[in-house]
């Protein structure tokens, strides 16, 4: 039979393990809004991979922006570049 000290140590270890599991950054522990945003982003990537004929990667969009002389292109992300190229 376990001593009182051993039982307390085991309970403490269980609590520590539970706290560590709660703090892990897994998809299940993320807020719903974050999970939704990640899902939409993944769907957009899949859509691009399926077959748009326009330049897809950030590098391709960056090269097109450079060719057109778009200012601020180095600080833009893929979506920003696509928007800027579509409107300019």
N, C-alpha and C. Protein backbone atom coordinates (compact mmCIF):
# COMPACT_ATOMS: atom_id res chain seq x y z
N UNK A 1 0.85 -1.18 0.00
CA UNK A 1 0.00 0.00 0.00
C UNK A 1 0.90 1.25 0.00
N UNK A 2 0.47 2.28 -0.75
CA UNK A 2 1.25 3.51 -0.87
C UNK A 2 1.13 4.35 0.40
N UNK A 3 2.21 5.00 0.72
CA UNK A 3 2.20 5.88 1.88
C UNK A 3 1.48 7.18 1.52
N UNK A 4 1.18 7.96 2.55
CA UNK A 4 0.49 9.24 2.34
C UNK A 4 1.35 10.17 1.48
N UNK A 5 2.65 10.15 1.70
CA UNK A 5 3.57 11.00 0.93
C UNK A 5 3.60 10.59 -0.54
N UNK A 6 3.57 9.28 -0.80
CA UNK A 6 3.58 8.78 -2.18
C UNK A 6 2.28 9.15 -2.90
N UNK A 7 1.17 9.05 -2.18
CA UNK A 7 -0.13 9.39 -2.76
C UNK A 7 -0.18 10.87 -3.13
N UNK A 8 0.33 11.72 -2.25
CA UNK A 8 0.36 13.16 -2.53
C UNK A 8 1.24 13.46 -3.74
N UNK A 9 2.38 12.80 -3.82
CA UNK A 9 3.29 13.01 -4.95
C UNK A 9 2.64 12.58 -6.26
N UNK A 10 1.91 11.47 -6.23
CA UNK A 10 1.23 10.99 -7.43
C UNK A 10 0.15 11.98 -7.87
N UNK A 11 -0.63 12.49 -6.90
CA UNK A 11 -1.67 13.47 -7.23
C UNK A 11 -1.06 14.74 -7.83
N UNK A 12 0.07 15.15 -7.24
CA UNK A 12 0.75 16.35 -7.75
C UNK A 12 1.23 16.12 -9.19
N UNK A 13 1.79 14.94 -9.46
CA UNK A 13 2.25 14.63 -10.82
C UNK A 13 1.10 14.59 -11.81
N UNK A 14 -0.03 14.06 -11.38
CA UNK A 14 -1.21 14.01 -12.26
C UNK A 14 -1.67 15.42 -12.59
N UNK A 15 -1.74 16.29 -11.56
CA UNK A 15 -2.15 17.68 -11.79
C UNK A 15 -1.20 18.38 -12.75
N UNK A 16 0.09 18.17 -12.57
CA UNK A 16 1.08 18.80 -13.46
C UNK A 16 0.91 18.33 -14.90
N UNK A 17 0.67 17.05 -15.07
CA UNK A 17 0.48 16.50 -16.42
C UNK A 17 -0.79 17.05 -17.06
N UNK A 18 -1.85 17.17 -16.28
CA UNK A 18 -3.10 17.72 -16.81
C UNK A 18 -2.93 19.18 -17.21
N UNK A 19 -2.24 19.96 -16.39
CA UNK A 19 -2.00 21.37 -16.71
C UNK A 19 -1.16 21.51 -17.97
N UNK A 20 -0.15 20.66 -18.11
CA UNK A 20 0.69 20.71 -19.31
C UNK A 20 -0.11 20.36 -20.55
N UNK A 21 -1.00 19.39 -20.44
CA UNK A 21 -1.82 19.00 -21.58
C UNK A 21 -2.77 20.12 -21.99
N UNK A 22 -3.28 20.86 -21.00
CA UNK A 22 -4.19 21.97 -21.30
C UNK A 22 -3.47 23.10 -22.03
N UNK A 23 -2.19 23.27 -21.72
CA UNK A 23 -1.45 24.38 -22.30
C UNK A 23 -0.89 24.06 -23.68
N UNK A 24 -0.96 22.81 -24.09
CA UNK A 24 -0.42 22.45 -25.40
C UNK A 24 -1.20 23.16 -26.49
N UNK A 25 -0.47 23.58 -27.52
CA UNK A 25 -1.11 24.27 -28.63
C UNK A 25 -1.56 23.25 -29.67
N UNK A 26 -2.68 22.64 -29.43
CA UNK A 26 -3.24 21.72 -30.41
C UNK A 26 -4.49 22.36 -30.99
N UNK A 27 -4.92 21.87 -32.11
CA UNK A 27 -6.08 22.44 -32.78
C UNK A 27 -7.32 22.37 -31.89
N UNK A 28 -7.43 21.33 -31.09
CA UNK A 28 -8.59 21.17 -30.23
C UNK A 28 -8.66 22.25 -29.15
N UNK A 29 -7.52 22.79 -28.75
CA UNK A 29 -7.51 23.79 -27.68
C UNK A 29 -7.54 25.23 -28.19
N UNK A 30 -7.55 25.43 -29.49
CA UNK A 30 -7.59 26.78 -30.04
C UNK A 30 -9.01 27.34 -30.00
N UNK A 31 -9.14 28.66 -29.96
CA UNK A 31 -10.48 29.27 -30.00
C UNK A 31 -11.18 28.97 -31.32
N UNK A 32 -12.50 28.97 -31.30
CA UNK A 32 -13.28 28.61 -32.47
C UNK A 32 -12.98 29.54 -33.65
N UNK A 33 -12.83 30.83 -33.38
CA UNK A 33 -12.54 31.78 -34.46
C UNK A 33 -11.22 31.46 -35.14
N UNK A 34 -10.24 31.05 -34.36
CA UNK A 34 -8.93 30.71 -34.93
C UNK A 34 -9.04 29.46 -35.78
N UNK A 35 -9.77 28.46 -35.28
CA UNK A 35 -9.95 27.22 -36.05
C UNK A 35 -10.66 27.51 -37.37
N UNK A 36 -11.66 28.39 -37.33
CA UNK A 36 -12.40 28.74 -38.55
C UNK A 36 -11.47 29.44 -39.54
N UNK A 37 -10.67 30.37 -39.05
CA UNK A 37 -9.75 31.10 -39.92
C UNK A 37 -8.72 30.15 -40.55
N UNK A 38 -8.21 29.22 -39.77
CA UNK A 38 -7.26 28.25 -40.31
C UNK A 38 -7.91 27.37 -41.37
N UNK A 39 -9.15 26.99 -41.14
CA UNK A 39 -9.87 26.18 -42.13
C UNK A 39 -10.08 26.93 -43.43
N UNK A 40 -10.45 28.20 -43.33
CA UNK A 40 -10.65 29.01 -44.53
C UNK A 40 -9.36 29.21 -45.29
N UNK A 41 -8.28 29.41 -44.55
CA UNK A 41 -6.97 29.59 -45.18
C UNK A 41 -6.56 28.31 -45.89
N UNK A 42 -6.77 27.18 -45.26
CA UNK A 42 -6.45 25.90 -45.89
C UNK A 42 -7.27 25.66 -47.13
N UNK A 43 -8.54 26.03 -47.09
CA UNK A 43 -9.42 25.86 -48.25
C UNK A 43 -8.96 26.75 -49.40
N UNK A 44 -8.50 27.95 -49.08
CA UNK A 44 -8.02 28.86 -50.12
C UNK A 44 -6.76 28.31 -50.78
N UNK A 45 -5.87 27.74 -49.98
CA UNK A 45 -4.65 27.14 -50.54
C UNK A 45 -5.02 25.97 -51.44
N UNK A 46 -5.94 25.14 -50.99
CA UNK A 46 -6.37 24.00 -51.81
C UNK A 46 -6.99 24.46 -53.11
N UNK A 47 -7.78 25.52 -53.05
CA UNK A 47 -8.42 26.08 -54.25
C UNK A 47 -7.37 26.56 -55.25
N UNK A 48 -6.34 27.24 -54.74
CA UNK A 48 -5.28 27.73 -55.62
C UNK A 48 -4.54 26.56 -56.27
N UNK A 49 -4.33 25.49 -55.49
CA UNK A 49 -3.60 24.35 -56.02
C UNK A 49 -4.40 23.60 -57.07
N UNK A 50 -5.72 23.69 -56.99
CA UNK A 50 -6.55 22.93 -57.91
C UNK A 50 -6.53 23.46 -59.33
N UNK A 51 -6.17 24.73 -59.52
CA UNK A 51 -6.08 25.09 -60.91
C UNK A 51 -6.31 26.50 -61.35
N UNK A 52 -6.05 27.50 -60.60
CA UNK A 52 -6.12 28.86 -61.12
C UNK A 52 -4.99 29.05 -62.13
N UNK A 53 -5.26 29.76 -63.21
CA UNK A 53 -4.24 29.93 -64.24
C UNK A 53 -3.35 31.14 -63.96
N UNK A 54 -3.78 32.02 -63.05
CA UNK A 54 -2.97 33.19 -62.73
C UNK A 54 -1.79 32.76 -61.84
N UNK A 55 -0.78 33.63 -61.68
CA UNK A 55 0.34 33.27 -60.81
C UNK A 55 -0.14 32.92 -59.41
N UNK A 56 0.38 31.85 -58.85
CA UNK A 56 -0.14 31.35 -57.59
C UNK A 56 0.73 31.70 -56.39
N UNK A 57 2.01 31.51 -56.52
CA UNK A 57 2.87 31.66 -55.35
C UNK A 57 3.16 33.13 -55.08
N UNK A 58 3.60 33.40 -53.86
CA UNK A 58 3.96 34.77 -53.50
C UNK A 58 5.10 35.26 -54.37
N UNK A 59 6.05 34.37 -54.64
CA UNK A 59 7.21 34.76 -55.45
C UNK A 59 6.78 35.15 -56.86
N UNK A 60 5.87 34.39 -57.45
CA UNK A 60 5.37 34.74 -58.79
C UNK A 60 4.64 36.07 -58.77
N UNK A 61 3.82 36.28 -57.75
CA UNK A 61 3.11 37.56 -57.63
C UNK A 61 4.09 38.71 -57.39
N UNK A 62 5.12 38.46 -56.57
CA UNK A 62 6.13 39.47 -56.30
C UNK A 62 6.86 39.86 -57.59
N UNK A 63 7.22 38.86 -58.39
CA UNK A 63 7.90 39.14 -59.65
C UNK A 63 7.03 39.97 -60.60
N UNK A 64 5.74 39.65 -60.62
CA UNK A 64 4.80 40.42 -61.46
C UNK A 64 4.69 41.85 -60.94
N UNK A 65 4.63 42.01 -59.62
CA UNK A 65 4.55 43.35 -59.02
C UNK A 65 5.82 44.14 -59.31
N UNK A 66 6.95 43.47 -59.28
CA UNK A 66 8.22 44.13 -59.58
C UNK A 66 8.24 44.59 -61.04
N UNK A 67 7.73 43.74 -61.91
CA UNK A 67 7.68 44.08 -63.34
C UNK A 67 6.78 45.30 -63.57
N UNK A 68 5.69 45.38 -62.81
CA UNK A 68 4.76 46.51 -62.95
C UNK A 68 5.19 47.74 -62.15
N UNK A 69 6.21 47.60 -61.29
CA UNK A 69 6.69 48.73 -60.49
C UNK A 69 5.80 49.07 -59.31
N UNK A 70 5.18 48.06 -58.73
CA UNK A 70 4.28 48.26 -57.59
C UNK A 70 5.09 48.62 -56.35
N UNK A 71 4.75 49.73 -55.69
CA UNK A 71 5.49 50.18 -54.51
C UNK A 71 5.02 49.41 -53.27
N UNK A 72 5.97 49.15 -52.37
CA UNK A 72 5.66 48.47 -51.12
C UNK A 72 5.49 46.97 -51.26
N UNK A 73 5.88 46.41 -52.38
CA UNK A 73 5.64 44.99 -52.65
C UNK A 73 6.41 44.07 -51.71
N UNK A 74 7.59 44.51 -51.24
CA UNK A 74 8.40 43.62 -50.41
C UNK A 74 7.76 43.37 -49.05
N UNK A 75 6.89 44.27 -48.61
CA UNK A 75 6.25 44.11 -47.31
C UNK A 75 4.88 43.45 -47.41
N UNK A 76 4.45 43.13 -48.62
CA UNK A 76 3.12 42.55 -48.82
C UNK A 76 3.17 41.03 -48.77
N UNK A 77 2.08 40.46 -48.28
CA UNK A 77 1.91 39.01 -48.30
C UNK A 77 1.30 38.58 -49.62
N UNK A 78 1.07 37.30 -49.75
CA UNK A 78 0.54 36.75 -50.99
C UNK A 78 -0.83 37.35 -51.36
N UNK A 79 -1.73 37.39 -50.39
CA UNK A 79 -3.07 37.91 -50.66
C UNK A 79 -3.04 39.41 -50.99
N UNK A 80 -2.21 40.15 -50.27
CA UNK A 80 -2.10 41.59 -50.54
C UNK A 80 -1.56 41.84 -51.95
N UNK A 81 -0.56 41.07 -52.34
CA UNK A 81 -0.02 41.21 -53.68
C UNK A 81 -1.07 40.90 -54.73
N UNK A 82 -1.83 39.83 -54.51
CA UNK A 82 -2.87 39.46 -55.48
C UNK A 82 -3.91 40.55 -55.59
N UNK A 83 -4.33 41.12 -54.44
CA UNK A 83 -5.30 42.22 -54.47
C UNK A 83 -4.75 43.43 -55.20
N UNK A 84 -3.50 43.80 -54.88
CA UNK A 84 -2.90 44.98 -55.48
C UNK A 84 -2.74 44.80 -56.99
N UNK A 85 -2.36 43.64 -57.41
CA UNK A 85 -2.18 43.40 -58.84
C UNK A 85 -3.51 43.35 -59.57
N UNK A 86 -4.53 42.91 -58.89
CA UNK A 86 -5.86 42.85 -59.51
C UNK A 86 -6.47 44.21 -59.70
N UNK A 87 -6.11 45.17 -58.85
CA UNK A 87 -6.70 46.50 -58.93
C UNK A 87 -5.84 47.50 -59.64
N UNK A 88 -4.54 47.21 -59.79
CA UNK A 88 -3.69 48.22 -60.44
C UNK A 88 -3.41 47.86 -61.89
